[in-house]
Amino acid sequence: MRASLLFACLLTATPFLHGQRANEPSALEKDSAGWIDIFPGKDLAGWKRVAIPPDEKLNAKNAWSIDAAKKVLLCDGVGVKEMLLYDMPLTDSIFHVEWRFRPVKDAEQPIYNSGIYVRTDAKGGHWHQAQVAHTIKPPFMGDLFGKTRRGDKIDDFLVRGDGPKRIKGPGQWNTYEITCEARRSASGSTARPPAS
């Protein structure tokens, strides 16, 4: 299954951030058949807001809005810490996400911090985030980090990416393609993931 959207997603498989070369076509460009559009509907239909951490109360300010004419999901995350999660679990998938930061006027060095969530449980208790940020401290652009389930435990993890070498600055469009696949045994068959 493949999905295309601008900015955020949820699924239930193991993520891998595809290290695509600058001139290499994306998976969507290579084969546009079979993709589904999971872009939020009116009033964010099909998606839900989840506080970070999940036991916190949601902020009264809804940071998310849709520009229907341009088909763009907008986030004004100033003062808000939350995830926007797709409200349906998906199996093995490739997520094609196009995103950019809006330039901040009259700011010396603005800090942008966001991410694309994958393999995240519906309540946000364990999550995997492909970092989308221009910050001075880690996690950095393209890093994959979060809280992953290992048996009965949930552990923190961080996988360093090389996003700072590849990403365009604020105001310019970037593309992430995130491939999520379940664990496989040596024979190539799919292994059952731990219960969520």
C-alpha atoms as a PDB file:
ATOM      1  CA  MET A   1       0.000   0.000   0.000  1.00  0.00           C
ATOM      2  CA  ARG A   2       1.228   3.485  -0.753  1.00  0.00           C
ATOM      3  CA  ALA A   3       0.046   6.816   0.529  1.00  0.00           C
ATOM      4  CA  SER A   4       0.611  10.412  -0.454  1.00  0.00           C
ATOM      5  CA  LEU A   5       0.032  13.475   1.687  1.00  0.00           C
ATOM      6  CA  LEU A   6       1.529  16.702   2.883  1.00  0.00           C
ATOM      7  CA  PHE A   7       3.045  16.568   6.338  1.00  0.00           C
ATOM      8  CA  ALA A   8       1.943  13.803   8.775  1.00  0.00           C
ATOM      9  CA  CYS A   9       0.979  10.131   8.920  1.00  0.00           C
ATOM     10  CA  LEU A  10       0.379   7.062  11.107  1.00  0.00           C
ATOM     11  CA  LEU A  11       0.835   3.395  10.384  1.00  0.00           C
ATOM     12  CA  THR A  12       1.640   0.110  12.078  1.00  0.00           C
ATOM     13  CA  ALA A  13       4.885  -1.240  10.621  1.00  0.00           C
ATOM     14  CA  THR A  14       8.647  -0.773  11.024  1.00  0.00           C
ATOM     15  CA  PRO A  15       9.857   2.494   9.448  1.00  0.00           C
ATOM     16  CA  PHE A  16      12.906   3.224   7.294  1.00  0.00           C
ATOM     17  CA  LEU A  17      13.638   6.681   5.927  1.00  0.00           C
ATOM     18  CA  HIS A  18      14.677   6.211   2.305  1.00  0.00           C
ATOM     19  CA  GLY A  19      18.002   7.905   1.531  1.00  0.00           C
ATOM     20  CA  GLN A  20      17.106   9.052  -1.975  1.00  0.00           C
ATOM     21  CA  ARG A  21      19.721  10.729  -4.181  1.00  0.00           C
ATOM     22  CA  ALA A  22      18.963  14.264  -5.361  1.00  0.00           C
ATOM     23  CA  ASN A  23      18.357  13.345  -9.028  1.00  0.00           C
ATOM     24  CA  GLU A  24      16.706   9.974  -8.371  1.00  0.00           C
ATOM     25  CA  PRO A  25      12.935   9.889  -8.942  1.00  0.00           C
ATOM     26  CA  SER A  26      10.768   9.178  -5.909  1.00  0.00           C
ATOM     27  CA  ALA A  27       8.804   5.939  -5.568  1.00  0.00           C
ATOM     28  CA  LEU A  28       5.676   7.918  -6.467  1.00  0.00           C
ATOM     29  CA  GLU A  29       7.353   9.264  -9.616  1.00  0.00           C
ATOM     30  CA  LYS A  30       8.689   5.811 -10.581  1.00  0.00           C
ATOM     31  CA  ASP A  31       5.263   4.147 -10.370  1.00  0.00           C
ATOM     32  CA  SER A  32       2.138   6.190  -9.648  1.00  0.00           C
ATOM     33  CA  ALA A  33      -0.204   3.155  -9.709  1.00  0.00           C
ATOM     34  CA  GLY A  34      -1.642   1.860  -6.439  1.00  0.00           C
ATOM     35  CA  TRP A  35      -1.155   4.999  -4.337  1.00  0.00           C
ATOM     36  CA  ILE A  36      -3.991   6.210  -2.112  1.00  0.00           C
ATOM     37  CA  ASP A  37      -4.455   9.791  -0.994  1.00  0.00           C
ATOM     38  CA  ILE A  38      -4.713  10.001   2.799  1.00  0.00           C
ATOM     39  CA  PHE A  39      -4.785  13.789   2.875  1.00  0.00           C
ATOM     40  CA  PRO A  40      -7.128  15.017   5.635  1.00  0.00           C
ATOM     41  CA  GLY A  41     -10.716  15.787   4.692  1.00  0.00           C
ATOM     42  CA  LYS A  42     -12.733  18.832   5.716  1.00  0.00           C
ATOM     43  CA  ASP A  43     -12.219  19.671   9.398  1.00  0.00           C
ATOM     44  CA  LEU A  44      -9.356  17.103   9.455  1.00  0.00           C
ATOM     45  CA  ALA A  45     -11.746  14.223   8.763  1.00  0.00           C
ATOM     46  CA  GLY A  46      -9.937  10.885   8.978  1.00  0.00           C
ATOM     47  CA  TRP A  47      -7.262  12.246  11.321  1.00  0.00           C
ATOM     48  CA  LYS A  48      -7.085  12.949  15.059  1.00  0.00           C
ATOM     49  CA  ARG A  49      -5.061  15.164  17.370  1.00  0.00           C
ATOM     50  CA  VAL A  50      -3.068  13.433  20.135  1.00  0.00           C
ATOM     51  CA  ALA A  51      -1.245  15.337  22.883  1.00  0.00           C
ATOM     52  CA  ILE A  52       2.492  14.854  23.550  1.00  0.00           C
ATOM     53  CA  PRO A  53       2.902  13.231  26.014  1.00  0.00           C
ATOM     54  CA  PRO A  54      -0.352  11.345  25.434  1.00  0.00           C
ATOM     55  CA  ASP A  55      -1.581  11.655  29.047  1.00  0.00           C
ATOM     56  CA  GLU A  56      -1.597  15.468  28.761  1.00  0.00           C
ATOM     57  CA  LYS A  57      -4.694  17.452  27.833  1.00  0.00           C
ATOM     58  CA  LEU A  58      -4.868  18.725  24.233  1.00  0.00           C
ATOM     59  CA  ASN A  59      -4.084  22.400  23.816  1.00  0.00           C
ATOM     60  CA  ALA A  60      -7.190  24.556  23.274  1.00  0.00           C
ATOM     61  CA  LYS A  61      -5.479  25.934  20.161  1.00  0.00           C
ATOM     62  CA  ASN A  62      -5.901  23.610  17.181  1.00  0.00           C
ATOM     63  CA  ALA A  63      -2.618  24.035  15.302  1.00  0.00           C
ATOM     64  CA  TRP A  64      -3.908  22.279  12.171  1.00  0.00           C
ATOM     65  CA  SER A  65      -5.797  23.706   9.215  1.00  0.00           C
ATOM     66  CA  ILE A  66      -6.340  22.865   5.548  1.00  0.00           C
ATOM     67  CA  ASP A  67      -5.775  25.086   2.532  1.00  0.00           C
ATOM     68  CA  ALA A  68      -8.207  23.195   0.288  1.00  0.00           C
ATOM     69  CA  ALA A  69      -7.407  25.247  -2.835  1.00  0.00           C
ATOM     70  CA  LYS A  70      -3.694  24.337  -2.660  1.00  0.00           C
ATOM     71  CA  LYS A  71      -4.295  20.968  -0.987  1.00  0.00           C
ATOM     72  CA  VAL A  72      -1.888  21.796   1.816  1.00  0.00           C
ATOM     73  CA  LEU A  73      -2.068  20.819   5.482  1.00  0.00           C
ATOM     74  CA  LEU A  74      -0.871  23.768   7.573  1.00  0.00           C
ATOM     75  CA  CYS A  75       0.515  23.625  11.089  1.00  0.00           C
ATOM     76  CA  ASP A  76       0.949  26.637  13.365  1.00  0.00           C
ATOM     77  CA  GLY A  77       2.662  24.750  16.166  1.00  0.00           C
ATOM     78  CA  VAL A  78       3.784  27.735  18.248  1.00  0.00           C
ATOM     79  CA  GLY A  79       2.891  26.848  21.828  1.00  0.00           C
ATOM     80  CA  VAL A  80       1.418  23.461  20.842  1.00  0.00           C
ATOM     81  CA  LYS A  81       2.968  20.016  21.288  1.00  0.00           C
ATOM     82  CA  GLU A  82       0.892  17.292  19.661  1.00  0.00           C
ATOM     83  CA  MET A  83       0.674  14.733  16.853  1.00  0.00           C
ATOM     84  CA  LEU A  84      -1.858  14.572  14.058  1.00  0.00           C
ATOM     85  CA  LEU A  85      -2.457  10.878  13.407  1.00  0.00           C
ATOM     86  CA  TYR A  86      -4.205   9.120  10.558  1.00  0.00           C
ATOM     87  CA  ASP A  87      -7.186   7.398  12.148  1.00  0.00           C
ATOM     88  CA  MET A  88      -6.827   4.046  10.377  1.00  0.00           C
ATOM     89  CA  PRO A  89      -4.008   1.506  10.802  1.00  0.00           C
ATOM     90  CA  LEU A  90      -2.109   0.627   7.640  1.00  0.00           C
ATOM     91  CA  THR A  91       0.089  -2.345   6.798  1.00  0.00           C
ATOM     92  CA  ASP A  92       3.415  -2.239   4.939  1.00  0.00           C
ATOM     93  CA  SER A  93       3.471   1.091   3.137  1.00  0.00           C
ATOM     94  CA  ILE A  94       5.544   3.777   1.500  1.00  0.00           C
ATOM     95  CA  PHE A  95       4.654   7.300   2.573  1.00  0.00           C
ATOM     96  CA  HIS A  96       5.403  10.095   0.154  1.00  0.00           C
ATOM     97  CA  VAL A  97       5.370  13.351   2.108  1.00  0.00           C
ATOM     98  CA  GLU A  98       6.118  16.780   0.689  1.00  0.00           C
ATOM     99  CA  TRP A  99       6.735  19.494   3.258  1.00  0.00           C
ATOM    100  CA  ARG A 100       8.277  22.893   3.853  1.00  0.00           C
ATOM    101  CA  PHE A 101       8.657  25.436   6.625  1.00  0.00           C
ATOM    102  CA  ARG A 102       7.179  28.870   6.124  1.00  0.00           C
ATOM    103  CA  PRO A 103       9.935  31.477   6.505  1.00  0.00           C
ATOM    104  CA  VAL A 104       9.707  33.545   9.681  1.00  0.00           C
ATOM    105  CA  LYS A 105      10.111  37.253   8.983  1.00  0.00           C
ATOM    106  CA  ASP A 106      12.360  39.405  11.145  1.00  0.00           C
ATOM    107  CA  ALA A 107      13.792  36.422  13.034  1.00  0.00           C
ATOM    108  CA  GLU A 108      17.572  36.140  13.399  1.00  0.00           C
ATOM    109  CA  GLN A 109      17.725  32.345  13.451  1.00  0.00           C
ATOM    110  CA  PRO A 110      14.284  30.789  13.864  1.00  0.00           C
ATOM    111  CA  ILE A 111      14.083  27.235  15.160  1.00  0.00           C
ATOM    112  CA  TYR A 112      11.756  24.907  13.270  1.00  0.00           C
ATOM    113  CA  ASN A 113      10.836  21.636  14.932  1.00  0.00           C
ATOM    114  CA  SER A 114       8.343  19.089  13.657  1.00  0.00           C
ATOM    115  CA  GLY A 115       8.189  15.516  12.435  1.00  0.00           C
ATOM    116  CA  ILE A 116       6.374  12.828  10.529  1.00  0.00           C
ATOM    117  CA  TYR A 117       5.025  10.093  12.788  1.00  0.00           C
ATOM    118  CA  VAL A 118       4.881   6.478  11.648  1.00  0.00           C
ATOM    119  CA  ARG A 119       4.195   3.184  13.445  1.00  0.00           C
ATOM    120  CA  THR A 120       2.470   5.075  16.213  1.00  0.00           C
ATOM    121  CA  ASP A 121      -0.204   3.559  18.412  1.00  0.00           C
ATOM    122  CA  ALA A 122      -3.569   5.321  18.409  1.00  0.00           C
ATOM    123  CA  LYS A 123      -2.993   6.818  21.869  1.00  0.00           C
ATOM    124  CA  GLY A 124       0.566   7.993  21.132  1.00  0.00           C
ATOM    125  CA  GLY A 125       2.164   5.768  23.802  1.00  0.00           C
ATOM    126  CA  HIS A 126       4.788   4.411  21.444  1.00  0.00           C
ATOM    127  CA  TRP A 127       5.807   6.291  18.327  1.00  0.00           C
ATOM    128  CA  HIS A 128       8.427   6.660  15.626  1.00  0.00           C
ATOM    129  CA  GLN A 129       9.214  10.089  14.207  1.00  0.00           C
ATOM    130  CA  ALA A 130      11.167  11.092  11.108  1.00  0.00           C
ATOM    131  CA  GLN A 131      12.526  14.442  12.244  1.00  0.00           C
ATOM    132  CA  VAL A 132      11.675  17.549  10.259  1.00  0.00           C
ATOM    133  CA  ALA A 133      13.598  20.351  11.951  1.00  0.00           C
ATOM    134  CA  HIS A 134      16.080  23.168  11.650  1.00  0.00           C
ATOM    135  CA  THR A 135      17.449  23.204  15.184  1.00  0.00           C
ATOM    136  CA  ILE A 136      20.786  23.708  16.907  1.00  0.00           C
ATOM    137  CA  LYS A 137      20.512  20.541  19.019  1.00  0.00           C
ATOM    138  CA  PRO A 138      19.502  16.933  18.247  1.00  0.00           C
ATOM    139  CA  PRO A 139      17.444  15.251  17.014  1.00  0.00           C
ATOM    140  CA  PHE A 140      18.373  16.691  13.622  1.00  0.00           C
ATOM    141  CA  MET A 141      16.750  16.692  10.207  1.00  0.00           C
ATOM    142  CA  GLY A 142      16.257  13.148   8.908  1.00  0.00           C
ATOM    143  CA  ASP A 143      16.916  11.435  12.247  1.00  0.00           C
ATOM    144  CA  LEU A 144      14.490   8.670  13.170  1.00  0.00           C
ATOM    145  CA  PHE A 145      13.661   8.513  16.877  1.00  0.00           C
ATOM    146  CA  GLY A 146      10.932   7.758  19.353  1.00  0.00           C
ATOM    147  CA  LYS A 147       9.607   5.167  21.756  1.00  0.00           C
ATOM    148  CA  THR A 148       9.388   1.658  20.337  1.00  0.00           C
ATOM    149  CA  ARG A 149       7.784  -1.455  21.758  1.00  0.00           C
ATOM    150  CA  ARG A 150      10.134  -4.377  22.449  1.00  0.00           C
ATOM    151  CA  GLY A 151       8.097  -7.172  23.939  1.00  0.00           C
ATOM    152  CA  ASP A 152       6.487  -5.808  27.104  1.00  0.00           C
ATOM    153  CA  LYS A 153       8.779  -2.772  27.306  1.00  0.00           C
ATOM    154  CA  ILE A 154       8.819   0.561  25.496  1.00  0.00           C
ATOM    155  CA  ASP A 155      12.359   1.815  24.832  1.00  0.00           C
ATOM    156  CA  ASP A 156      13.700   5.107  23.517  1.00  0.00           C
ATOM    157  CA  PHE A 157      15.698   4.916  20.292  1.00  0.00           C
ATOM    158  CA  LEU A 158      17.562   7.257  17.926  1.00  0.00           C
ATOM    159  CA  VAL A 159      18.895   6.506  14.437  1.00  0.00           C
ATOM    160  CA  ARG A 160      20.985   9.321  12.987  1.00  0.00           C
ATOM    161  CA  GLY A 161      20.125  10.392   9.437  1.00  0.00           C
ATOM    162  CA  ASP A 162      21.954  12.592   7.005  1.00  0.00           C
ATOM    163  CA  GLY A 163      19.141  15.053   6.421  1.00  0.00           C
ATOM    164  CA  PRO A 164      21.215  18.202   7.019  1.00  0.00           C
ATOM    165  CA  LYS A 165      23.208  17.313   3.877  1.00  0.00           C
ATOM    166  CA  ARG A 166      20.080  16.924   1.753  1.00  0.00           C
ATOM    167  CA  ILE A 167      17.308  19.206   3.001  1.00  0.00           C
ATOM    168  CA  LYS A 168      16.376  22.553   1.469  1.00  0.00           C
ATOM    169  CA  GLY A 169      15.835  25.502   3.783  1.00  0.00           C
ATOM    170  CA  PRO A 170      12.657  27.263   4.941  1.00  0.00           C
ATOM    171  CA  GLY A 171      10.345  28.265   2.099  1.00  0.00           C
ATOM    172  CA  GLN A 172      11.517  25.442  -0.189  1.00  0.00           C
ATOM    173  CA  TRP A 173       9.694  22.139  -0.692  1.00  0.00           C
ATOM    174  CA  ASN A 174      11.291  18.892   0.486  1.00  0.00           C
ATOM    175  CA  THR A 175      10.255  15.279  -0.013  1.00  0.00           C
ATOM    176  CA  TYR A 176      10.503  12.368   2.411  1.00  0.00           C
ATOM    177  CA  GLU A 177       9.653   8.860   1.366  1.00  0.00           C
ATOM    178  CA  ILE A 178       9.299   6.631   4.378  1.00  0.00           C
ATOM    179  CA  THR A 179       9.082   2.886   3.790  1.00  0.00           C
ATOM    180  CA  CYS A 180       7.438   0.866   6.551  1.00  0.00           C
ATOM    181  CA  GLU A 181       7.746  -2.908   6.502  1.00  0.00           C
ATOM    182  CA  ALA A 182       7.010  -5.558   9.108  1.00  0.00           C
ATOM    183  CA  ARG A 183       9.873  -7.683  10.418  1.00  0.00           C
ATOM    184  CA  ARG A 184      10.581 -10.713   8.288  1.00  0.00           C
ATOM    185  CA  SER A 185      12.031 -14.094   9.222  1.00  0.00           C
ATOM    186  CA  ALA A 186      15.058 -15.567   7.433  1.00  0.00           C
ATOM    187  CA  SER A 187      12.698 -17.424   5.086  1.00  0.00           C
ATOM    188  CA  GLY A 188      11.245 -14.103   3.955  1.00  0.00           C
ATOM    189  CA  SER A 189       7.824 -14.595   5.514  1.00  0.00           C
ATOM    190  CA  THR A 190       6.347 -11.841   7.635  1.00  0.00           C
ATOM    191  CA  ALA A 191       6.795 -12.251  11.385  1.00  0.00           C
ATOM    192  CA  ARG A 192       3.944 -11.222  13.637  1.00  0.00           C
ATOM    193  CA  PRO A 193       4.786  -7.927  15.381  1.00  0.00           C
ATOM    194  CA  PRO A 194       4.296  -7.656  19.148  1.00  0.00           C
ATOM    195  CA  ALA A 195       0.771  -6.772  20.290  1.00  0.00           C
ATOM    196  CA  SER A 196       0.140  -3.039  20.637  1.00  0.00           C
END
